[in-house]
Amino acid sequence: MDIITIIKEANPNVVIFLLTTLVAFISWLIKSLVEKPLAESKNTFTKYFDKRIEILTEVKTRLNFIAYFPEGEDNLEYKNQLQTILLTDGKAAYLSKEVYNNVLRIAIDEKTNETLLLDTVKMIDEELYLKISKVQDEIEFYRRFSNYSPFRRFVGITVLSLQYVIALTIVFSTLIYMTILFIDSNLYQRIGIIVTGILGIFLLNKWLKR
């Protein structure tokens, strides 16, 4: 006796109650396991993201001044400022290991290594470009779907909702198809489906980290 036959022969009130309970459980599960962690991760990411841009900008500014003043009192002053940045408020933790090591050497050495200085500025520029690009993406998203015009805002929200619906439809259809295929297949086919599923999850996770 398959599941469809059991559902057809079951008491409708019991089926409705079970389906309602299932939907409520799934909603609670999504809120507890997905929505709350995402909100916490977003808050952590925002604080870290903003602070890192601020510190990278501070370090880059001092490095540029050191490049303009390769020697003399001004050079020593900006190197002292770099040391202060690295030693206070845990700001060094927001720098990558390579940038931190380079900045530390530049701040301590009496004679400025121009090659190291320019390479470090270039690395910081690359990091800042990636982070500012992320900010621009967020701004573009906000401008597209939060327009001051009610009509454009409605159209934007409608398009965004349709994108979510299409994405959810594709995901759920794929999951249902894989489940049916898994049930109706033999042992070797099931192993192949499991391996394919694991590989698909791995590739999706790698794509999401980009």
C-alpha atoms as a PDB file:
ATOM      1  CA  MET A   1       0.000   0.000   0.000  1.00  0.00           C
ATOM      2  CA  ASP A   2       1.602   3.248  -1.148  1.00  0.00           C
ATOM      3  CA  ILE A   3       1.405   6.664   0.460  1.00  0.00           C
ATOM      4  CA  ILE A   4      -1.187   8.047  -1.984  1.00  0.00           C
ATOM      5  CA  THR A   5      -3.572   5.137  -1.243  1.00  0.00           C
ATOM      6  CA  ILE A   6      -3.149   5.628   2.510  1.00  0.00           C
ATOM      7  CA  ILE A   7      -3.930   9.343   2.190  1.00  0.00           C
ATOM      8  CA  LYS A   8      -7.030   8.656   0.077  1.00  0.00           C
ATOM      9  CA  GLU A   9      -8.393   6.144   2.584  1.00  0.00           C
ATOM     10  CA  ALA A  10      -7.572   8.223   5.640  1.00  0.00           C
ATOM     11  CA  ASN A  11      -9.987  10.447   7.543  1.00  0.00           C
ATOM     12  CA  PRO A  12      -9.957  13.921   5.869  1.00  0.00           C
ATOM     13  CA  ASN A  13      -9.928  15.695   9.237  1.00  0.00           C
ATOM     14  CA  VAL A  14      -6.908  13.702  10.334  1.00  0.00           C
ATOM     15  CA  VAL A  15      -5.121  14.426   7.038  1.00  0.00           C
ATOM     16  CA  ILE A  16      -5.836  18.156   7.329  1.00  0.00           C
ATOM     17  CA  PHE A  17      -4.632  18.166  10.934  1.00  0.00           C
ATOM     18  CA  LEU A  18      -1.424  16.317  10.013  1.00  0.00           C
ATOM     19  CA  LEU A  19      -0.735  18.577   7.032  1.00  0.00           C
ATOM     20  CA  THR A  20      -1.325  21.700   9.141  1.00  0.00           C
ATOM     21  CA  THR A  21       0.971  20.357  11.824  1.00  0.00           C
ATOM     22  CA  LEU A  22       3.602  19.524   9.196  1.00  0.00           C
ATOM     23  CA  VAL A  23       3.450  23.035   7.699  1.00  0.00           C
ATOM     24  CA  ALA A  24       3.692  24.606  11.165  1.00  0.00           C
ATOM     25  CA  PHE A  25       6.655  22.375  12.030  1.00  0.00           C
ATOM     26  CA  ILE A  26       8.439  23.231   8.775  1.00  0.00           C
ATOM     27  CA  SER A  27       7.832  26.956   9.383  1.00  0.00           C
ATOM     28  CA  TRP A  28       9.220  26.677  12.906  1.00  0.00           C
ATOM     29  CA  LEU A  29      12.179  24.659  11.635  1.00  0.00           C
ATOM     30  CA  ILE A  30      12.989  27.229   8.946  1.00  0.00           C
ATOM     31  CA  LYS A  31      12.725  30.087  11.457  1.00  0.00           C
ATOM     32  CA  SER A  32      14.886  28.322  14.044  1.00  0.00           C
ATOM     33  CA  LEU A  33      17.505  26.731  11.798  1.00  0.00           C
ATOM     34  CA  VAL A  34      17.664  29.224   8.933  1.00  0.00           C
ATOM     35  CA  GLU A  35      16.183  32.637   9.664  1.00  0.00           C
ATOM     36  CA  LYS A  36      17.659  33.201  13.140  1.00  0.00           C
ATOM     37  CA  PRO A  37      21.215  32.055  12.257  1.00  0.00           C
ATOM     38  CA  LEU A  38      21.073  34.149   9.091  1.00  0.00           C
ATOM     39  CA  ALA A  39      20.038  37.234  11.040  1.00  0.00           C
ATOM     40  CA  GLU A  40      22.819  36.703  13.588  1.00  0.00           C
ATOM     41  CA  SER A  41      25.364  36.058  10.836  1.00  0.00           C
ATOM     42  CA  LYS A  42      24.229  39.203   9.017  1.00  0.00           C
ATOM     43  CA  ASN A  43      24.733  41.332  12.140  1.00  0.00           C
ATOM     44  CA  THR A  44      28.198  39.870  12.704  1.00  0.00           C
ATOM     45  CA  PHE A  45      29.093  40.283   9.039  1.00  0.00           C
ATOM     46  CA  THR A  46      27.931  43.920   8.969  1.00  0.00           C
ATOM     47  CA  LYS A  47      29.957  44.868  12.055  1.00  0.00           C
ATOM     48  CA  TYR A  48      33.074  43.085  10.808  1.00  0.00           C
ATOM     49  CA  PHE A  49      32.636  44.353   7.242  1.00  0.00           C
ATOM     50  CA  ASP A  50      32.308  48.025   8.203  1.00  0.00           C
ATOM     51  CA  LYS A  51      35.141  47.857  10.716  1.00  0.00           C
ATOM     52  CA  ARG A  52      37.482  46.166   8.265  1.00  0.00           C
ATOM     53  CA  ILE A  53      36.863  48.780   5.562  1.00  0.00           C
ATOM     54  CA  GLU A  54      37.550  51.508   8.138  1.00  0.00           C
ATOM     55  CA  ILE A  55      40.828  49.944   9.323  1.00  0.00           C
ATOM     56  CA  LEU A  56      42.062  49.090   5.827  1.00  0.00           C
ATOM     57  CA  THR A  57      41.414  52.690   4.804  1.00  0.00           C
ATOM     58  CA  GLU A  58      43.301  54.016   7.831  1.00  0.00           C
ATOM     59  CA  VAL A  59      46.290  51.763   7.115  1.00  0.00           C
ATOM     60  CA  LYS A  60      46.302  52.582   3.406  1.00  0.00           C
ATOM     61  CA  THR A  61      46.224  56.327   4.112  1.00  0.00           C
ATOM     62  CA  ARG A  62      49.289  56.079   6.370  1.00  0.00           C
ATOM     63  CA  LEU A  63      51.112  53.922   3.829  1.00  0.00           C
ATOM     64  CA  ASN A  64      50.441  56.494   1.111  1.00  0.00           C
ATOM     65  CA  PHE A  65      51.831  59.263   3.314  1.00  0.00           C
ATOM     66  CA  ILE A  66      54.914  57.144   4.015  1.00  0.00           C
ATOM     67  CA  ALA A  67      55.351  56.727   0.250  1.00  0.00           C
ATOM     68  CA  TYR A  68      55.169  60.517  -0.179  1.00  0.00           C
ATOM     69  CA  PHE A  69      57.588  61.094   2.723  1.00  0.00           C
ATOM     70  CA  PRO A  70      60.161  58.275   2.425  1.00  0.00           C
ATOM     71  CA  GLU A  71      62.346  59.776   5.157  1.00  0.00           C
ATOM     72  CA  GLY A  72      62.421  62.460   7.820  1.00  0.00           C
ATOM     73  CA  GLU A  73      60.171  63.347  10.746  1.00  0.00           C
ATOM     74  CA  ASP A  74      56.951  63.008   8.742  1.00  0.00           C
ATOM     75  CA  ASN A  75      57.956  59.480   7.754  1.00  0.00           C
ATOM     76  CA  LEU A  76      58.554  58.531  11.398  1.00  0.00           C
ATOM     77  CA  GLU A  77      55.294  60.129  12.471  1.00  0.00           C
ATOM     78  CA  TYR A  78      53.194  58.078  10.058  1.00  0.00           C
ATOM     79  CA  LYS A  79      55.082  54.907  10.978  1.00  0.00           C
ATOM     80  CA  ASN A  80      54.287  55.618  14.636  1.00  0.00           C
ATOM     81  CA  GLN A  81      50.644  56.041  13.668  1.00  0.00           C
ATOM     82  CA  LEU A  82      50.733  52.630  11.953  1.00  0.00           C
ATOM     83  CA  GLN A  83      52.164  51.090  15.118  1.00  0.00           C
ATOM     84  CA  THR A  84      49.381  52.716  17.132  1.00  0.00           C
ATOM     85  CA  ILE A  85      46.759  51.247  14.799  1.00  0.00           C
ATOM     86  CA  LEU A  86      48.268  47.771  15.130  1.00  0.00           C
ATOM     87  CA  LEU A  87      48.530  47.959  18.926  1.00  0.00           C
ATOM     88  CA  THR A  88      45.150  49.433  19.924  1.00  0.00           C
ATOM     89  CA  ASP A  89      41.579  48.093  20.105  1.00  0.00           C
ATOM     90  CA  GLY A  90      42.476  44.787  18.441  1.00  0.00           C
ATOM     91  CA  LYS A  91      42.519  46.437  15.020  1.00  0.00           C
ATOM     92  CA  ALA A  92      45.283  44.108  13.832  1.00  0.00           C
ATOM     93  CA  ALA A  93      42.793  41.231  13.926  1.00  0.00           C
ATOM     94  CA  TYR A  94      40.872  42.802  11.036  1.00  0.00           C
ATOM     95  CA  LEU A  95      43.897  42.586   8.723  1.00  0.00           C
ATOM     96  CA  SER A  96      44.875  39.536   6.730  1.00  0.00           C
ATOM     97  CA  LYS A  97      48.036  37.763   7.862  1.00  0.00           C
ATOM     98  CA  GLU A  98      50.082  38.912   4.867  1.00  0.00           C
ATOM     99  CA  VAL A  99      48.951  42.542   5.096  1.00  0.00           C
ATOM    100  CA  TYR A 100      49.571  42.563   8.848  1.00  0.00           C
ATOM    101  CA  ASN A 101      53.111  41.198   8.483  1.00  0.00           C
ATOM    102  CA  ASN A 102      53.932  43.703   5.734  1.00  0.00           C
ATOM    103  CA  VAL A 103      52.517  46.669   7.639  1.00  0.00           C
ATOM    104  CA  LEU A 104      54.368  45.595  10.776  1.00  0.00           C
ATOM    105  CA  ARG A 105      57.679  45.483   8.891  1.00  0.00           C
ATOM    106  CA  ILE A 106      57.053  48.863   7.288  1.00  0.00           C
ATOM    107  CA  ALA A 107      56.128  50.427  10.635  1.00  0.00           C
ATOM    108  CA  ILE A 108      59.228  49.098  12.412  1.00  0.00           C
ATOM    109  CA  ASP A 109      62.004  49.330   9.807  1.00  0.00           C
ATOM    110  CA  GLU A 110      63.821  52.663   9.823  1.00  0.00           C
ATOM    111  CA  LYS A 111      64.452  52.498   6.078  1.00  0.00           C
ATOM    112  CA  THR A 112      61.293  52.104   4.053  1.00  0.00           C
ATOM    113  CA  ASN A 113      61.189  49.163   1.650  1.00  0.00           C
ATOM    114  CA  GLU A 114      59.441  50.829  -1.292  1.00  0.00           C
ATOM    115  CA  THR A 115      58.715  47.547  -3.102  1.00  0.00           C
ATOM    116  CA  LEU A 116      57.106  46.081   0.006  1.00  0.00           C
ATOM    117  CA  LEU A 117      55.190  49.313   0.572  1.00  0.00           C
ATOM    118  CA  LEU A 118      53.754  49.419  -2.953  1.00  0.00           C
ATOM    119  CA  ASP A 119      52.884  45.702  -2.879  1.00  0.00           C
ATOM    120  CA  THR A 120      51.049  46.170   0.416  1.00  0.00           C
ATOM    121  CA  VAL A 121      49.098  49.156  -0.896  1.00  0.00           C
ATOM    122  CA  LYS A 122      48.162  47.084  -3.943  1.00  0.00           C
ATOM    123  CA  MET A 123      46.916  44.214  -1.745  1.00  0.00           C
ATOM    124  CA  ILE A 124      44.840  46.600   0.350  1.00  0.00           C
ATOM    125  CA  ASP A 125      43.420  48.170  -2.826  1.00  0.00           C
ATOM    126  CA  GLU A 126      42.328  44.728  -4.029  1.00  0.00           C
ATOM    127  CA  GLU A 127      40.644  43.935  -0.713  1.00  0.00           C
ATOM    128  CA  LEU A 128      38.922  47.314  -0.618  1.00  0.00           C
ATOM    129  CA  TYR A 129      37.738  46.886  -4.217  1.00  0.00           C
ATOM    130  CA  LEU A 130      36.070  43.566  -3.370  1.00  0.00           C
ATOM    131  CA  LYS A 131      34.378  45.011  -0.304  1.00  0.00           C
ATOM    132  CA  ILE A 132      33.273  48.232  -1.988  1.00  0.00           C
ATOM    133  CA  SER A 133      31.891  46.156  -4.880  1.00  0.00           C
ATOM    134  CA  LYS A 134      29.797  44.285  -2.307  1.00  0.00           C
ATOM    135  CA  VAL A 135      28.505  47.598  -0.939  1.00  0.00           C
ATOM    136  CA  GLN A 136      27.659  48.768  -4.471  1.00  0.00           C
ATOM    137  CA  ASP A 137      25.739  45.527  -5.099  1.00  0.00           C
ATOM    138  CA  GLU A 138      23.706  46.115  -1.944  1.00  0.00           C
ATOM    139  CA  ILE A 139      23.033  49.733  -2.942  1.00  0.00           C
ATOM    140  CA  GLU A 140      21.981  48.663  -6.431  1.00  0.00           C
ATOM    141  CA  PHE A 141      19.643  46.042  -4.947  1.00  0.00           C
ATOM    142  CA  TYR A 142      18.094  48.652  -2.634  1.00  0.00           C
ATOM    143  CA  ARG A 143      17.674  51.188  -5.443  1.00  0.00           C
ATOM    144  CA  ARG A 144      16.067  48.613  -7.712  1.00  0.00           C
ATOM    145  CA  PHE A 145      13.510  47.259  -5.251  1.00  0.00           C
ATOM    146  CA  SER A 146      12.934  50.282  -2.980  1.00  0.00           C
ATOM    147  CA  ASN A 147      12.139  52.977  -5.536  1.00  0.00           C
ATOM    148  CA  TYR A 148      10.336  56.107  -4.339  1.00  0.00           C
ATOM    149  CA  SER A 149       7.748  55.627  -7.095  1.00  0.00           C
ATOM    150  CA  PRO A 150       4.924  53.351  -5.827  1.00  0.00           C
ATOM    151  CA  PHE A 151       4.457  51.830  -9.289  1.00  0.00           C
ATOM    152  CA  ARG A 152       8.156  51.027  -9.742  1.00  0.00           C
ATOM    153  CA  ARG A 153       8.373  49.716  -6.194  1.00  0.00           C
ATOM    154  CA  PHE A 154       5.386  47.420  -6.831  1.00  0.00           C
ATOM    155  CA  VAL A 155       6.905  46.172 -10.093  1.00  0.00           C
ATOM    156  CA  GLY A 156      10.278  45.627  -8.383  1.00  0.00           C
ATOM    157  CA  ILE A 157       8.745  43.667  -5.509  1.00  0.00           C
ATOM    158  CA  THR A 158       6.682  41.621  -7.990  1.00  0.00           C
ATOM    159  CA  VAL A 159       9.761  40.749 -10.048  1.00  0.00           C
ATOM    160  CA  LEU A 160      11.698  39.825  -6.890  1.00  0.00           C
ATOM    161  CA  SER A 161       8.829  37.645  -5.657  1.00  0.00           C
ATOM    162  CA  LEU A 162       8.605  35.880  -9.025  1.00  0.00           C
ATOM    163  CA  GLN A 163      12.332  35.186  -8.891  1.00  0.00           C
ATOM    164  CA  TYR A 164      11.903  33.585  -5.470  1.00  0.00           C
ATOM    165  CA  VAL A 165       8.906  31.565  -6.650  1.00  0.00           C
ATOM    166  CA  ILE A 166      10.760  30.305  -9.731  1.00  0.00           C
ATOM    167  CA  ALA A 167      13.845  29.440  -7.660  1.00  0.00           C
ATOM    168  CA  LEU A 168      11.764  27.599  -5.046  1.00  0.00           C
ATOM    169  CA  THR A 169       9.832  25.761  -7.769  1.00  0.00           C
ATOM    170  CA  ILE A 170      13.054  24.573  -9.406  1.00  0.00           C
ATOM    171  CA  VAL A 171      14.554  23.482  -6.074  1.00  0.00           C
ATOM    172  CA  PHE A 172      11.452  21.649  -4.837  1.00  0.00           C
ATOM    173  CA  SER A 173      10.812  20.042  -8.237  1.00  0.00           C
ATOM    174  CA  THR A 174      14.394  18.770  -8.300  1.00  0.00           C
ATOM    175  CA  LEU A 175      14.089  17.414  -4.751  1.00  0.00           C
ATOM    176  CA  ILE A 176      10.778  15.693  -5.491  1.00  0.00           C
ATOM    177  CA  TYR A 177      12.148  14.196  -8.708  1.00  0.00           C
ATOM    178  CA  MET A 178      15.265  12.936  -6.916  1.00  0.00           C
ATOM    179  CA  THR A 179      13.134  11.457  -4.114  1.00  0.00           C
ATOM    180  CA  ILE A 180      10.827   9.615  -6.534  1.00  0.00           C
ATOM    181  CA  LEU A 181      13.808   8.418  -8.547  1.00  0.00           C
ATOM    182  CA  PHE A 182      15.493   7.228  -5.348  1.00  0.00           C
ATOM    183  CA  ILE A 183      12.410   5.262  -4.234  1.00  0.00           C
ATOM    184  CA  ASP A 184      11.908   3.555  -7.622  1.00  0.00           C
ATOM    185  CA  SER A 185      15.572   2.700  -8.232  1.00  0.00           C
ATOM    186  CA  ASN A 186      17.745  -0.262  -7.309  1.00  0.00           C
ATOM    187  CA  LEU A 187      20.684  -0.280  -4.888  1.00  0.00           C
ATOM    188  CA  TYR A 188      23.351   0.830  -7.363  1.00  0.00           C
ATOM    189  CA  GLN A 189      21.176   3.623  -8.724  1.00  0.00           C
ATOM    190  CA  ARG A 190      20.484   4.822  -5.186  1.00  0.00           C
ATOM    191  CA  ILE A 191      24.205   4.936  -4.472  1.00  0.00           C
ATOM    192  CA  GLY A 192      24.647   6.979  -7.659  1.00  0.00           C
ATOM    193  CA  ILE A 193      21.864   9.354  -6.613  1.00  0.00           C
ATOM    194  CA  ILE A 194      23.402   9.809  -3.146  1.00  0.00           C
ATOM    195  CA  VAL A 195      26.852  10.507  -4.632  1.00  0.00           C
ATOM    196  CA  THR A 196      25.323  12.951  -7.132  1.00  0.00           C
ATOM    197  CA  GLY A 197      23.440  14.695  -4.330  1.00  0.00           C
ATOM    198  CA  ILE A 198      26.578  15.050  -2.202  1.00  0.00           C
ATOM    199  CA  LEU A 199      28.522  16.369  -5.193  1.00  0.00           C
ATOM    200  CA  GLY A 200      25.713  18.826  -5.996  1.00  0.00           C
ATOM    201  CA  ILE A 201      25.655  20.118  -2.411  1.00  0.00           C
ATOM    202  CA  PHE A 202      29.448  20.528  -2.477  1.00  0.00           C
ATOM    203  CA  LEU A 203      29.346  22.498  -5.742  1.00  0.00           C
ATOM    204  CA  LEU A 204      26.470  24.681  -4.501  1.00  0.00           C
ATOM    205  CA  ASN A 205      28.341  25.416  -1.277  1.00  0.00           C
ATOM    206  CA  LYS A 206      31.431  26.346  -3.270  1.00  0.00           C
ATOM    207  CA  TRP A 207      29.356  28.608  -5.533  1.00  0.00           C
ATOM    208  CA  LEU A 208      27.720  30.340  -2.544  1.00  0.00           C
ATOM    209  CA  LYS A 209      31.140  31.124  -1.039  1.00  0.00           C
ATOM    210  CA  ARG A 210      32.200  33.078  -4.145  1.00  0.00           C
END
